[in-house]
Amino acid sequence: MNPQRGSALKSRSKCDMDERLAFTRLYVKRLKENPDEVFSQQVKLVNSFLKAARDFPLTKEDYLRLKGELGK
């Protein structure tokens, strides 16, 4: 692999991870600020996210290939 391309992929992956962590922190903060009734609705939402992730038709390799982050 081209060293510059590898560095760019690491940078993009780090950026993706930073965005995910920021979203998670924001989401947890909002969960803590809301009453239990709202939280129970959020649990349903999170469970639906998890189910969608489990049922996602692509493997992680297929997904990365689709994003252009993995060679053919």
N, C-alpha and C. Protein backbone atom coordinates (compact mmCIF):
# COMPACT_ATOMS: atom_id res chain seq x y z
N MET A 1 0.85 -1.18 0.00
CA MET A 1 0.00 0.00 0.00
C MET A 1 0.89 1.24 0.00
N ASN A 2 0.47 2.23 -0.70
CA ASN A 2 1.16 3.50 -0.76
C ASN A 2 1.18 4.12 0.65
N PRO A 3 2.36 4.49 1.17
CA PRO A 3 2.43 5.05 2.53
C PRO A 3 1.56 6.29 2.72
N GLN A 4 1.50 7.14 1.68
CA GLN A 4 0.67 8.35 1.80
C GLN A 4 -0.80 7.99 1.88
N ARG A 5 -1.22 6.99 1.08
CA ARG A 5 -2.63 6.55 1.10
C ARG A 5 -2.95 5.94 2.45
N GLY A 6 -2.02 5.13 2.97
CA GLY A 6 -2.23 4.52 4.29
C GLY A 6 -2.38 5.58 5.36
N SER A 7 -1.58 6.62 5.28
CA SER A 7 -1.67 7.72 6.24
C SER A 7 -3.00 8.45 6.12
N ALA A 8 -3.45 8.66 4.88
CA ALA A 8 -4.74 9.33 4.66
C ALA A 8 -5.88 8.49 5.19
N LEU A 9 -5.80 7.17 5.00
CA LEU A 9 -6.85 6.27 5.52
C LEU A 9 -6.88 6.31 7.04
N LYS A 10 -5.70 6.29 7.67
CA LYS A 10 -5.65 6.36 9.14
C LYS A 10 -6.24 7.68 9.62
N SER A 11 -5.94 8.76 8.91
CA SER A 11 -6.47 10.07 9.28
C SER A 11 -7.99 10.10 9.16
N ARG A 12 -8.51 9.53 8.05
CA ARG A 12 -9.96 9.50 7.85
C ARG A 12 -10.62 8.61 8.91
N SER A 13 -10.00 7.47 9.18
CA SER A 13 -10.54 6.56 10.19
C SER A 13 -10.55 7.23 11.57
N LYS A 14 -9.49 7.97 11.88
CA LYS A 14 -9.44 8.68 13.16
C LYS A 14 -10.54 9.73 13.21
N CYS A 15 -10.75 10.44 12.11
CA CYS A 15 -11.80 11.45 12.04
C CYS A 15 -13.17 10.79 12.23
N ASP A 16 -13.39 9.65 11.56
CA ASP A 16 -14.65 8.92 11.72
C ASP A 16 -14.85 8.52 13.18
N MET A 17 -13.80 8.00 13.80
CA MET A 17 -13.89 7.58 15.20
C MET A 17 -14.16 8.77 16.11
N ASP A 18 -13.50 9.89 15.85
CA ASP A 18 -13.72 11.10 16.66
C ASP A 18 -15.18 11.56 16.55
N GLU A 19 -15.73 11.49 15.33
CA GLU A 19 -17.14 11.87 15.14
C GLU A 19 -18.07 10.93 15.90
N ARG A 20 -17.78 9.64 15.84
CA ARG A 20 -18.61 8.66 16.55
C ARG A 20 -18.56 8.90 18.05
N LEU A 21 -17.35 9.15 18.57
CA LEU A 21 -17.21 9.40 20.00
C LEU A 21 -17.94 10.68 20.41
N ALA A 22 -17.85 11.71 19.60
CA ALA A 22 -18.54 12.97 19.91
C ALA A 22 -20.05 12.74 19.93
N PHE A 23 -20.57 11.99 18.96
CA PHE A 23 -21.99 11.69 18.93
C PHE A 23 -22.40 10.89 20.17
N THR A 24 -21.59 9.90 20.52
CA THR A 24 -21.91 9.07 21.70
C THR A 24 -21.93 9.91 22.96
N ARG A 25 -20.94 10.78 23.12
CA ARG A 25 -20.90 11.63 24.32
C ARG A 25 -22.12 12.55 24.38
N LEU A 26 -22.48 13.14 23.25
CA LEU A 26 -23.65 14.01 23.20
C LEU A 26 -24.91 13.22 23.52
N TYR A 27 -25.03 12.03 22.97
CA TYR A 27 -26.21 11.20 23.19
C TYR A 27 -26.34 10.81 24.66
N VAL A 28 -25.24 10.41 25.27
CA VAL A 28 -25.25 10.04 26.69
C VAL A 28 -25.62 11.24 27.55
N LYS A 29 -25.08 12.40 27.21
CA LYS A 29 -25.41 13.62 27.96
C LYS A 29 -26.92 13.89 27.91
N ARG A 30 -27.49 13.75 26.71
CA ARG A 30 -28.93 13.99 26.57
C ARG A 30 -29.75 12.93 27.31
N LEU A 31 -29.28 11.70 27.30
CA LEU A 31 -29.99 10.65 28.05
C LEU A 31 -30.02 10.98 29.54
N LYS A 32 -28.90 11.47 30.05
CA LYS A 32 -28.82 11.80 31.48
C LYS A 32 -29.70 12.99 31.84
N GLU A 33 -29.95 13.87 30.88
CA GLU A 33 -30.74 15.08 31.15
C GLU A 33 -32.25 14.85 31.09
N ASN A 34 -32.67 13.68 30.59
CA ASN A 34 -34.09 13.44 30.38
C ASN A 34 -34.67 12.47 31.41
N PRO A 35 -35.98 12.59 31.67
CA PRO A 35 -36.63 11.69 32.63
C PRO A 35 -36.68 10.25 32.10
N ASP A 36 -36.97 9.32 33.01
CA ASP A 36 -36.99 7.90 32.66
C ASP A 36 -37.95 7.57 31.52
N GLU A 37 -39.07 8.28 31.42
CA GLU A 37 -40.03 8.00 30.35
C GLU A 37 -39.38 8.22 28.98
N VAL A 38 -38.61 9.29 28.88
CA VAL A 38 -37.91 9.58 27.63
C VAL A 38 -36.83 8.53 27.41
N PHE A 39 -36.16 8.15 28.49
CA PHE A 39 -35.10 7.16 28.39
C PHE A 39 -35.64 5.84 27.84
N SER A 40 -36.81 5.42 28.27
CA SER A 40 -37.35 4.15 27.78
C SER A 40 -37.61 4.22 26.28
N GLN A 41 -38.02 5.38 25.78
CA GLN A 41 -38.18 5.55 24.34
C GLN A 41 -36.83 5.48 23.63
N GLN A 42 -35.81 6.03 24.29
CA GLN A 42 -34.47 6.01 23.71
C GLN A 42 -33.94 4.58 23.64
N VAL A 43 -34.27 3.77 24.65
CA VAL A 43 -33.84 2.37 24.65
C VAL A 43 -34.42 1.66 23.43
N LYS A 44 -35.68 1.93 23.13
CA LYS A 44 -36.30 1.33 21.94
C LYS A 44 -35.56 1.76 20.68
N LEU A 45 -35.19 3.04 20.62
CA LEU A 45 -34.47 3.55 19.47
C LEU A 45 -33.10 2.88 19.33
N VAL A 46 -32.37 2.82 20.44
CA VAL A 46 -31.04 2.20 20.41
C VAL A 46 -31.16 0.72 20.01
N ASN A 47 -32.15 0.03 20.55
CA ASN A 47 -32.34 -1.37 20.19
C ASN A 47 -32.63 -1.53 18.70
N SER A 48 -33.38 -0.58 18.13
CA SER A 48 -33.65 -0.66 16.70
C SER A 48 -32.37 -0.41 15.89
N PHE A 49 -31.49 0.49 16.39
CA PHE A 49 -30.19 0.71 15.73
C PHE A 49 -29.37 -0.58 15.75
N LEU A 50 -29.35 -1.24 16.91
CA LEU A 50 -28.58 -2.48 17.04
C LEU A 50 -29.12 -3.57 16.13
N LYS A 51 -30.44 -3.68 16.05
CA LYS A 51 -31.05 -4.68 15.17
C LYS A 51 -30.70 -4.38 13.72
N ALA A 52 -30.77 -3.11 13.33
CA ALA A 52 -30.44 -2.72 11.95
C ALA A 52 -28.98 -3.06 11.65
N ALA A 53 -28.10 -2.84 12.62
CA ALA A 53 -26.68 -3.15 12.42
C ALA A 53 -26.48 -4.66 12.25
N ARG A 54 -27.18 -5.45 13.07
CA ARG A 54 -27.06 -6.91 12.96
C ARG A 54 -27.61 -7.41 11.62
N ASP A 55 -28.68 -6.77 11.14
CA ASP A 55 -29.33 -7.20 9.91
C ASP A 55 -28.74 -6.57 8.66
N PHE A 56 -27.70 -5.74 8.83
CA PHE A 56 -27.08 -5.04 7.69
C PHE A 56 -26.56 -6.08 6.71
N PRO A 57 -26.89 -5.96 5.42
CA PRO A 57 -26.57 -7.01 4.47
C PRO A 57 -25.10 -7.11 4.05
N LEU A 58 -24.27 -6.15 4.43
CA LEU A 58 -22.87 -6.17 4.04
C LEU A 58 -21.98 -6.60 5.20
N THR A 59 -20.90 -7.27 4.87
CA THR A 59 -19.89 -7.55 5.89
C THR A 59 -19.11 -6.26 6.14
N LYS A 60 -18.34 -6.24 7.20
CA LYS A 60 -17.55 -5.03 7.47
C LYS A 60 -16.55 -4.79 6.34
N GLU A 61 -16.02 -5.87 5.75
CA GLU A 61 -15.08 -5.72 4.64
C GLU A 61 -15.78 -5.14 3.41
N ASP A 62 -16.99 -5.64 3.12
CA ASP A 62 -17.77 -5.11 1.99
C ASP A 62 -18.06 -3.62 2.19
N TYR A 63 -18.42 -3.26 3.41
CA TYR A 63 -18.73 -1.87 3.72
C TYR A 63 -17.51 -0.98 3.52
N LEU A 64 -16.35 -1.41 4.04
CA LEU A 64 -15.12 -0.62 3.88
C LEU A 64 -14.72 -0.53 2.42
N ARG A 65 -14.91 -1.61 1.67
CA ARG A 65 -14.61 -1.60 0.25
C ARG A 65 -15.51 -0.58 -0.46
N LEU A 66 -16.79 -0.57 -0.10
CA LEU A 66 -17.75 0.36 -0.67
C LEU A 66 -17.34 1.81 -0.38
N LYS A 67 -16.83 2.06 0.81
CA LYS A 67 -16.37 3.39 1.18
C LYS A 67 -15.04 3.76 0.52
N GLY A 68 -14.39 2.76 -0.08
CA GLY A 68 -13.11 3.01 -0.72
C GLY A 68 -11.94 2.93 0.24
N GLU A 69 -12.16 2.37 1.41
CA GLU A 69 -11.09 2.28 2.42
C GLU A 69 -10.41 0.92 2.44
N LEU A 70 -10.86 0.02 1.54
CA LEU A 70 -10.27 -1.31 1.50
C LEU A 70 -10.08 -1.69 0.04
N GLY A 71 -8.93 -2.22 -0.29
CA GLY A 71 -8.66 -2.62 -1.67
C GLY A 71 -9.55 -3.76 -2.12
N LYS A 72 -9.57 -3.99 -3.39
CA LYS A 72 -10.39 -5.08 -3.94
C LYS A 72 -9.70 -6.36 -3.69
